[in-house]
Amino acid sequence: MSFKIDYPSSSLSRGLENMQNKIGIAVKMYAITKAAELEAKMKLQRPWTDRSGLAKATLNAQVSQPNQNLIRITLAHGVDYGIWLELAHEKNWAIIGPIITQESPNVINDMNNLMSKLV
């Protein structure tokens, strides 16, 4: 999100730029907090029984910002057989897909609440 006003010294221009920065910081802080929560939830709710503990230990959620208009939370396995846990055996061992399905409405609701407080 960016604002462009031709008169650079106007208080409106400064105010909009300030708001843009505050919204970006608030959304990124939310994403970092939510990523930690999602990672913990994946590890707790995984449907498989651990053998070595490696699949559970390497489940992760990362926050990235590919550009100024996008903040992304990525959920991933850290083991090479994670793809099989997600897709094989009729998805009986999947955790990433179910967590996304379960938590997506909560993220949207949280973002709506956050935006209503910021603007």
C-alpha atoms as a PDB file:
ATOM      1  CA  MET A   1       0.000   0.000   0.000  1.00  0.00           C
ATOM      2  CA  SER A   2       1.383   3.402  -0.859  1.00  0.00           C
ATOM      3  CA  PHE A   3       0.111   6.939  -0.984  1.00  0.00           C
ATOM      4  CA  LYS A   4       1.299   9.666  -3.303  1.00  0.00           C
ATOM      5  CA  ILE A   5       0.363  13.291  -2.797  1.00  0.00           C
ATOM      6  CA  ASP A   6       1.963  15.945  -5.011  1.00  0.00           C
ATOM      7  CA  TYR A   7       2.513  18.405  -2.195  1.00  0.00           C
ATOM      8  CA  PRO A   8       5.209  16.575  -0.142  1.00  0.00           C
ATOM      9  CA  SER A   9       5.286  18.857   2.876  1.00  0.00           C
ATOM     10  CA  SER A  10       1.567  18.595   3.627  1.00  0.00           C
ATOM     11  CA  SER A  11       0.467  17.225   6.979  1.00  0.00           C
ATOM     12  CA  LEU A  12      -1.921  14.897   5.128  1.00  0.00           C
ATOM     13  CA  SER A  13       0.982  13.363   3.222  1.00  0.00           C
ATOM     14  CA  ARG A  14       3.003  12.857   6.407  1.00  0.00           C
ATOM     15  CA  GLY A  15      -0.033  11.460   8.223  1.00  0.00           C
ATOM     16  CA  LEU A  16      -0.791   8.931   5.481  1.00  0.00           C
ATOM     17  CA  GLU A  17       2.829   7.811   5.341  1.00  0.00           C
ATOM     18  CA  ASN A  18       2.869   7.445   9.119  1.00  0.00           C
ATOM     19  CA  MET A  19      -0.336   5.397   9.031  1.00  0.00           C
ATOM     20  CA  GLN A  20       1.092   3.180   6.306  1.00  0.00           C
ATOM     21  CA  ASN A  21       4.153   2.462   8.444  1.00  0.00           C
ATOM     22  CA  LYS A  22       2.072   1.750  11.563  1.00  0.00           C
ATOM     23  CA  ILE A  23      -0.238  -0.620   9.701  1.00  0.00           C
ATOM     24  CA  GLY A  24       2.731  -2.469   8.198  1.00  0.00           C
ATOM     25  CA  ILE A  25       4.397  -2.861  11.591  1.00  0.00           C
ATOM     26  CA  ALA A  26       1.161  -4.001  13.254  1.00  0.00           C
ATOM     27  CA  VAL A  27       0.443  -6.583  10.548  1.00  0.00           C
ATOM     28  CA  LYS A  28       3.990  -7.944  10.672  1.00  0.00           C
ATOM     29  CA  MET A  29       3.877  -8.199  14.473  1.00  0.00           C
ATOM     30  CA  TYR A  30       0.580 -10.059  14.211  1.00  0.00           C
ATOM     31  CA  ALA A  31       2.030 -12.424  11.578  1.00  0.00           C
ATOM     32  CA  ILE A  32       5.066 -13.231  13.739  1.00  0.00           C
ATOM     33  CA  THR A  33       2.855 -13.963  16.745  1.00  0.00           C
ATOM     34  CA  LYS A  34       0.416 -16.034  14.666  1.00  0.00           C
ATOM     35  CA  ALA A  35       3.233 -18.007  13.025  1.00  0.00           C
ATOM     36  CA  ALA A  36       4.551 -19.066  16.436  1.00  0.00           C
ATOM     37  CA  GLU A  37       1.032 -20.076  17.467  1.00  0.00           C
ATOM     38  CA  LEU A  38       0.493 -22.076  14.264  1.00  0.00           C
ATOM     39  CA  GLU A  39       3.822 -23.862  14.617  1.00  0.00           C
ATOM     40  CA  ALA A  40       2.985 -24.890  18.176  1.00  0.00           C
ATOM     41  CA  LYS A  41      -0.484 -26.019  17.088  1.00  0.00           C
ATOM     42  CA  MET A  42       0.932 -28.141  14.251  1.00  0.00           C
ATOM     43  CA  LYS A  43       3.356 -29.853  16.627  1.00  0.00           C
ATOM     44  CA  LEU A  44       0.632 -30.480  19.194  1.00  0.00           C
ATOM     45  CA  GLN A  45      -2.096 -31.682  16.823  1.00  0.00           C
ATOM     46  CA  ARG A  46      -0.017 -33.772  14.395  1.00  0.00           C
ATOM     47  CA  PRO A  47      -1.925 -36.975  13.623  1.00  0.00           C
ATOM     48  CA  TRP A  48       1.053 -39.317  13.394  1.00  0.00           C
ATOM     49  CA  THR A  49       2.941 -41.166  16.103  1.00  0.00           C
ATOM     50  CA  ASP A  50       6.553 -40.057  16.395  1.00  0.00           C
ATOM     51  CA  ARG A  51       9.234 -42.590  15.731  1.00  0.00           C
ATOM     52  CA  SER A  52      12.337 -40.420  15.731  1.00  0.00           C
ATOM     53  CA  GLY A  53      10.662 -37.102  16.592  1.00  0.00           C
ATOM     54  CA  LEU A  54      12.289 -35.438  13.589  1.00  0.00           C
ATOM     55  CA  ALA A  55       9.071 -34.784  11.635  1.00  0.00           C
ATOM     56  CA  LYS A  56       7.505 -33.076  14.652  1.00  0.00           C
ATOM     57  CA  ALA A  57      10.631 -31.129  15.580  1.00  0.00           C
ATOM     58  CA  THR A  58      11.069 -29.705  12.104  1.00  0.00           C
ATOM     59  CA  LEU A  59       7.487 -28.540  11.505  1.00  0.00           C
ATOM     60  CA  ASN A  60       7.801 -24.786  11.147  1.00  0.00           C
ATOM     61  CA  ALA A  61       6.000 -21.553  10.386  1.00  0.00           C
ATOM     62  CA  GLN A  62       7.946 -18.644   8.909  1.00  0.00           C
ATOM     63  CA  VAL A  63       7.026 -15.027   8.191  1.00  0.00           C
ATOM     64  CA  SER A  64       8.350 -13.337   5.073  1.00  0.00           C
ATOM     65  CA  GLN A  65       7.710 -10.060   3.295  1.00  0.00           C
ATOM     66  CA  PRO A  66       8.338 -10.536  -0.444  1.00  0.00           C
ATOM     67  CA  ASN A  67       7.345  -6.928  -1.140  1.00  0.00           C
ATOM     68  CA  GLN A  68       5.978  -3.952   0.785  1.00  0.00           C
ATOM     69  CA  ASN A  69       2.377  -4.969   0.062  1.00  0.00           C
ATOM     70  CA  LEU A  70       2.600  -8.618   1.136  1.00  0.00           C
ATOM     71  CA  ILE A  71       3.333 -10.349   4.415  1.00  0.00           C
ATOM     72  CA  ARG A  72       3.244 -14.133   4.200  1.00  0.00           C
ATOM     73  CA  ILE A  73       3.073 -16.907   6.792  1.00  0.00           C
ATOM     74  CA  THR A  74       4.435 -20.170   5.382  1.00  0.00           C
ATOM     75  CA  LEU A  75       3.805 -23.510   7.100  1.00  0.00           C
ATOM     76  CA  ALA A  76       6.220 -26.301   6.192  1.00  0.00           C
ATOM     77  CA  HIS A  77       7.683 -29.669   7.010  1.00  0.00           C
ATOM     78  CA  GLY A  78      11.407 -29.841   7.581  1.00  0.00           C
ATOM     79  CA  VAL A  79      11.775 -33.477   6.540  1.00  0.00           C
ATOM     80  CA  ASP A  80      11.913 -34.702   2.957  1.00  0.00           C
ATOM     81  CA  TYR A  81       9.041 -37.130   3.536  1.00  0.00           C
ATOM     82  CA  GLY A  82       6.741 -34.331   4.764  1.00  0.00           C
ATOM     83  CA  ILE A  83       5.082 -34.220   1.358  1.00  0.00           C
ATOM     84  CA  TRP A  84       3.990 -37.833   1.881  1.00  0.00           C
ATOM     85  CA  LEU A  85       2.578 -37.033   5.300  1.00  0.00           C
ATOM     86  CA  GLU A  86       0.488 -34.310   3.674  1.00  0.00           C
ATOM     87  CA  LEU A  87      -0.660 -36.073   0.511  1.00  0.00           C
ATOM     88  CA  ALA A  88      -0.374 -39.870   0.779  1.00  0.00           C
ATOM     89  CA  HIS A  89      -2.709 -42.345   2.492  1.00  0.00           C
ATOM     90  CA  GLU A  90      -5.809 -40.244   1.773  1.00  0.00           C
ATOM     91  CA  LYS A  91      -4.190 -37.367   3.714  1.00  0.00           C
ATOM     92  CA  ASN A  92      -4.685 -39.207   7.020  1.00  0.00           C
ATOM     93  CA  TRP A  93      -1.350 -37.901   8.327  1.00  0.00           C
ATOM     94  CA  ALA A  94      -1.682 -34.333   7.029  1.00  0.00           C
ATOM     95  CA  ILE A  95      -1.279 -31.426   9.451  1.00  0.00           C
ATOM     96  CA  ILE A  96      -0.491 -28.355   7.324  1.00  0.00           C
ATOM     97  CA  GLY A  97      -3.662 -28.478   5.206  1.00  0.00           C
ATOM     98  CA  PRO A  98      -5.965 -29.045   8.188  1.00  0.00           C
ATOM     99  CA  ILE A  99      -4.323 -26.252  10.217  1.00  0.00           C
ATOM    100  CA  ILE A 100      -4.723 -23.834   7.292  1.00  0.00           C
ATOM    101  CA  THR A 101      -8.391 -24.820   6.923  1.00  0.00           C
ATOM    102  CA  GLN A 102      -8.966 -24.508  10.669  1.00  0.00           C
ATOM    103  CA  GLU A 103      -7.087 -21.252  11.228  1.00  0.00           C
ATOM    104  CA  SER A 104      -7.748 -19.237   8.037  1.00  0.00           C
ATOM    105  CA  PRO A 105     -11.085 -17.852   9.280  1.00  0.00           C
ATOM    106  CA  ASN A 106      -9.408 -16.850  12.562  1.00  0.00           C
ATOM    107  CA  VAL A 107      -6.632 -15.003  10.728  1.00  0.00           C
ATOM    108  CA  ILE A 108      -9.170 -13.120   8.586  1.00  0.00           C
ATOM    109  CA  ASN A 109     -11.207 -12.243  11.675  1.00  0.00           C
ATOM    110  CA  ASP A 110      -8.094 -11.120  13.570  1.00  0.00           C
ATOM    111  CA  MET A 111      -7.007  -8.928  10.644  1.00  0.00           C
ATOM    112  CA  ASN A 112     -10.474  -7.356  10.432  1.00  0.00           C
ATOM    113  CA  ASN A 113     -10.320  -6.584  14.160  1.00  0.00           C
ATOM    114  CA  LEU A 114      -6.807  -5.177  13.821  1.00  0.00           C
ATOM    115  CA  MET A 115      -7.788  -2.940  10.909  1.00  0.00           C
ATOM    116  CA  SER A 116     -10.865  -1.645  12.721  1.00  0.00           C
ATOM    117  CA  LYS A 117      -8.595  -0.504  15.568  1.00  0.00           C
ATOM    118  CA  LEU A 118      -6.013   1.130  13.310  1.00  0.00           C
ATOM    119  CA  VAL A 119      -8.251   3.140  11.004  1.00  0.00           C
END
